Amino acid sequence: MDAYIAAVPRDVKSKLKQLRRIIKSAAPKADEKISYGIPYYAYNGGLAYFAVFKKHISLFVMPSIVAEHKKELRRYETTKSAVHFPHGRPLPVALIKKLVKAGIRKNEAKKK
């Protein structure tokens, strides 16, 4: 994880470090790994990935989470399983925590 963050352009590093802190605070028991070459968090299954692109940072979550939070995500470009946070805007801390916690609840429900 540290190597991934170290390899990104300087102007994006602080945002990735912040995103990492946000995810860790929302999911303190999640395992932090690299999967498919990008940062990955697991807690009772897949929880979230993130990756840097030219104009944005993508947070990848379960497609059902993106669908369930579509109204809250309308300010951001989304795909079936990703939310794109533009480099020029602050990260939406509360929204990211909400998405990660929704993933935790889904994974815990599947485990039961």
C-alpha atoms as a PDB file:
ATOM      1  CA  MET A   1       0.000   0.000   0.000  1.00  0.00           C
ATOM      2  CA  ASP A   2       2.781   2.421   0.901  1.00  0.00           C
ATOM      3  CA  ALA A   3       4.561   1.658  -2.372  1.00  0.00           C
ATOM      4  CA  TYR A   4       1.384   2.298  -4.398  1.00  0.00           C
ATOM      5  CA  ILE A   5       0.877   5.676  -2.742  1.00  0.00           C
ATOM      6  CA  ALA A   6       4.568   6.570  -3.071  1.00  0.00           C
ATOM      7  CA  ALA A   7       4.425   5.932  -6.820  1.00  0.00           C
ATOM      8  CA  VAL A   8       1.578   8.385  -7.607  1.00  0.00           C
ATOM      9  CA  PRO A   9       2.114  12.012  -8.613  1.00  0.00           C
ATOM     10  CA  ARG A  10       2.935  14.308  -5.714  1.00  0.00           C
ATOM     11  CA  ASP A  11      -0.254  16.375  -6.028  1.00  0.00           C
ATOM     12  CA  VAL A  12      -2.399  13.240  -5.501  1.00  0.00           C
ATOM     13  CA  LYS A  13      -0.433  11.615  -2.659  1.00  0.00           C
ATOM     14  CA  SER A  14      -2.074  13.610   0.116  1.00  0.00           C
ATOM     15  CA  LYS A  15      -5.551  12.707  -1.151  1.00  0.00           C
ATOM     16  CA  LEU A  16      -4.669   9.012  -1.269  1.00  0.00           C
ATOM     17  CA  LYS A  17      -3.281   9.181   2.249  1.00  0.00           C
ATOM     18  CA  GLN A  18      -6.490  10.889   3.339  1.00  0.00           C
ATOM     19  CA  LEU A  19      -8.632   8.282   1.562  1.00  0.00           C
ATOM     20  CA  ARG A  20      -6.652   5.531   3.265  1.00  0.00           C
ATOM     21  CA  ARG A  21      -7.275   7.156   6.676  1.00  0.00           C
ATOM     22  CA  ILE A  22     -10.991   7.551   5.920  1.00  0.00           C
ATOM     23  CA  ILE A  23     -11.377   3.892   4.968  1.00  0.00           C
ATOM     24  CA  LYS A  24      -9.339   2.708   7.961  1.00  0.00           C
ATOM     25  CA  SER A  25     -11.435   4.844  10.337  1.00  0.00           C
ATOM     26  CA  ALA A  26     -14.687   3.479   8.876  1.00  0.00           C
ATOM     27  CA  ALA A  27     -13.395  -0.109   8.783  1.00  0.00           C
ATOM     28  CA  PRO A  28     -10.678  -0.466  11.443  1.00  0.00           C
ATOM     29  CA  LYS A  29     -10.849  -4.284  11.323  1.00  0.00           C
ATOM     30  CA  ALA A  30     -10.439  -4.466   7.541  1.00  0.00           C
ATOM     31  CA  ASP A  31      -7.333  -6.079   6.088  1.00  0.00           C
ATOM     32  CA  GLU A  32      -5.308  -3.806   3.838  1.00  0.00           C
ATOM     33  CA  LYS A  33      -3.796  -5.473   0.766  1.00  0.00           C
ATOM     34  CA  ILE A  34      -2.905  -4.959  -2.871  1.00  0.00           C
ATOM     35  CA  SER A  35      -5.099  -6.812  -5.347  1.00  0.00           C
ATOM     36  CA  TYR A  36      -5.118  -6.393  -9.129  1.00  0.00           C
ATOM     37  CA  GLY A  37      -2.247  -3.952  -8.552  1.00  0.00           C
ATOM     38  CA  ILE A  38      -4.315  -1.471  -6.506  1.00  0.00           C
ATOM     39  CA  PRO A  39      -5.142  -0.950  -2.809  1.00  0.00           C
ATOM     40  CA  TYR A  40      -7.823  -3.305  -1.510  1.00  0.00           C
ATOM     41  CA  TYR A  41      -9.694  -3.639   1.773  1.00  0.00           C
ATOM     42  CA  ALA A  42     -11.287  -6.881   2.930  1.00  0.00           C
ATOM     43  CA  TYR A  43     -13.616  -7.483   5.831  1.00  0.00           C
ATOM     44  CA  ASN A  44     -15.678 -10.670   5.684  1.00  0.00           C
ATOM     45  CA  GLY A  45     -15.155 -10.475   1.938  1.00  0.00           C
ATOM     46  CA  GLY A  46     -14.312  -7.687  -0.474  1.00  0.00           C
ATOM     47  CA  LEU A  47     -15.012  -4.232   0.896  1.00  0.00           C
ATOM     48  CA  ALA A  48     -13.364  -1.542  -1.249  1.00  0.00           C
ATOM     49  CA  TYR A  49     -10.589  -0.794  -3.724  1.00  0.00           C
ATOM     50  CA  PHE A  50      -9.168   2.537  -4.815  1.00  0.00           C
ATOM     51  CA  ALA A  51      -7.066   3.628  -7.756  1.00  0.00           C
ATOM     52  CA  VAL A  52      -5.631   6.808  -9.230  1.00  0.00           C
ATOM     53  CA  PHE A  53      -6.457   7.903 -12.749  1.00  0.00           C
ATOM     54  CA  LYS A  54      -5.450  10.967 -14.745  1.00  0.00           C
ATOM     55  CA  LYS A  55      -8.366  13.167 -13.630  1.00  0.00           C
ATOM     56  CA  HIS A  56      -9.822  11.350 -10.633  1.00  0.00           C
ATOM     57  CA  ILE A  57      -9.500   8.813  -7.859  1.00  0.00           C
ATOM     58  CA  SER A  58     -11.895   5.894  -8.110  1.00  0.00           C
ATOM     59  CA  LEU A  59     -13.369   4.187  -5.091  1.00  0.00           C
ATOM     60  CA  PHE A  60     -14.637   0.744  -6.048  1.00  0.00           C
ATOM     61  CA  VAL A  61     -17.398  -0.767  -3.908  1.00  0.00           C
ATOM     62  CA  MET A  62     -20.129  -3.365  -4.433  1.00  0.00           C
ATOM     63  CA  PRO A  63     -22.494  -2.460  -7.291  1.00  0.00           C
ATOM     64  CA  SER A  64     -25.466  -2.669  -4.916  1.00  0.00           C
ATOM     65  CA  ILE A  65     -23.929   0.058  -2.746  1.00  0.00           C
ATOM     66  CA  VAL A  66     -23.536   2.415  -5.709  1.00  0.00           C
ATOM     67  CA  ALA A  67     -27.150   1.712  -6.697  1.00  0.00           C
ATOM     68  CA  GLU A  68     -28.492   2.214  -3.170  1.00  0.00           C
ATOM     69  CA  HIS A  69     -26.681   5.544  -2.768  1.00  0.00           C
ATOM     70  CA  LYS A  70     -27.325   6.845  -6.293  1.00  0.00           C
ATOM     71  CA  LYS A  71     -29.059  10.009  -5.024  1.00  0.00           C
ATOM     72  CA  GLU A  72     -26.145  10.906  -2.728  1.00  0.00           C
ATOM     73  CA  LEU A  73     -23.660  10.157  -5.496  1.00  0.00           C
ATOM     74  CA  ARG A  74     -25.324  12.341  -8.136  1.00  0.00           C
ATOM     75  CA  ARG A  75     -22.572  14.997  -7.799  1.00  0.00           C
ATOM     76  CA  TYR A  76     -19.987  12.428  -8.890  1.00  0.00           C
ATOM     77  CA  GLU A  77     -19.421  10.395 -11.992  1.00  0.00           C
ATOM     78  CA  THR A  78     -20.161   6.740 -11.265  1.00  0.00           C
ATOM     79  CA  THR A  79     -20.006   3.374 -12.935  1.00  0.00           C
ATOM     80  CA  LYS A  80     -21.691   0.164 -11.839  1.00  0.00           C
ATOM     81  CA  SER A  81     -19.174  -0.298  -9.024  1.00  0.00           C
ATOM     82  CA  ALA A  82     -17.107   2.894  -8.802  1.00  0.00           C
ATOM     83  CA  VAL A  83     -17.354   6.484  -7.711  1.00  0.00           C
ATOM     84  CA  HIS A  84     -14.959   8.982  -9.304  1.00  0.00           C
ATOM     85  CA  PHE A  85     -13.648  11.772  -7.098  1.00  0.00           C
ATOM     86  CA  PRO A  86     -12.089  14.546  -9.250  1.00  0.00           C
ATOM     87  CA  HIS A  87      -8.575  15.615  -8.281  1.00  0.00           C
ATOM     88  CA  GLY A  88      -9.590  19.265  -7.987  1.00  0.00           C
ATOM     89  CA  ARG A  89     -12.291  18.733  -5.356  1.00  0.00           C
ATOM     90  CA  PRO A  90     -12.050  17.744  -1.690  1.00  0.00           C
ATOM     91  CA  LEU A  91     -12.852  14.158  -0.813  1.00  0.00           C
ATOM     92  CA  PRO A  92     -16.363  13.775   0.670  1.00  0.00           C
ATOM     93  CA  VAL A  93     -15.296  12.233   3.984  1.00  0.00           C
ATOM     94  CA  ALA A  94     -18.771  11.502   5.393  1.00  0.00           C
ATOM     95  CA  LEU A  95     -19.974   9.993   2.110  1.00  0.00           C
ATOM     96  CA  ILE A  96     -16.942   7.719   1.786  1.00  0.00           C
ATOM     97  CA  LYS A  97     -17.390   6.507   5.363  1.00  0.00           C
ATOM     98  CA  LYS A  98     -21.062   5.843   4.659  1.00  0.00           C
ATOM     99  CA  LEU A  99     -20.240   3.759   1.566  1.00  0.00           C
ATOM    100  CA  VAL A 100     -17.585   1.735   3.397  1.00  0.00           C
ATOM    101  CA  LYS A 101     -19.862   1.113   6.387  1.00  0.00           C
ATOM    102  CA  ALA A 102     -22.627  -0.002   4.019  1.00  0.00           C
ATOM    103  CA  GLY A 103     -20.184  -2.553   2.631  1.00  0.00           C
ATOM    104  CA  ILE A 104     -19.355  -3.767   6.130  1.00  0.00           C
ATOM    105  CA  ARG A 105     -23.057  -4.267   6.903  1.00  0.00           C
ATOM    106  CA  LYS A 106     -23.597  -6.181   3.648  1.00  0.00           C
ATOM    107  CA  ASN A 107     -20.608  -8.420   4.256  1.00  0.00           C
ATOM    108  CA  GLU A 108     -21.655  -9.109   7.847  1.00  0.00           C
ATOM    109  CA  ALA A 109     -25.196  -9.946   6.691  1.00  0.00           C
ATOM    110  CA  LYS A 110     -23.816 -12.409   4.087  1.00  0.00           C
ATOM    111  CA  LYS A 111     -21.690 -14.067   6.766  1.00  0.00           C
ATOM    112  CA  LYS A 112     -24.725 -14.842   8.967  1.00  0.00           C
END
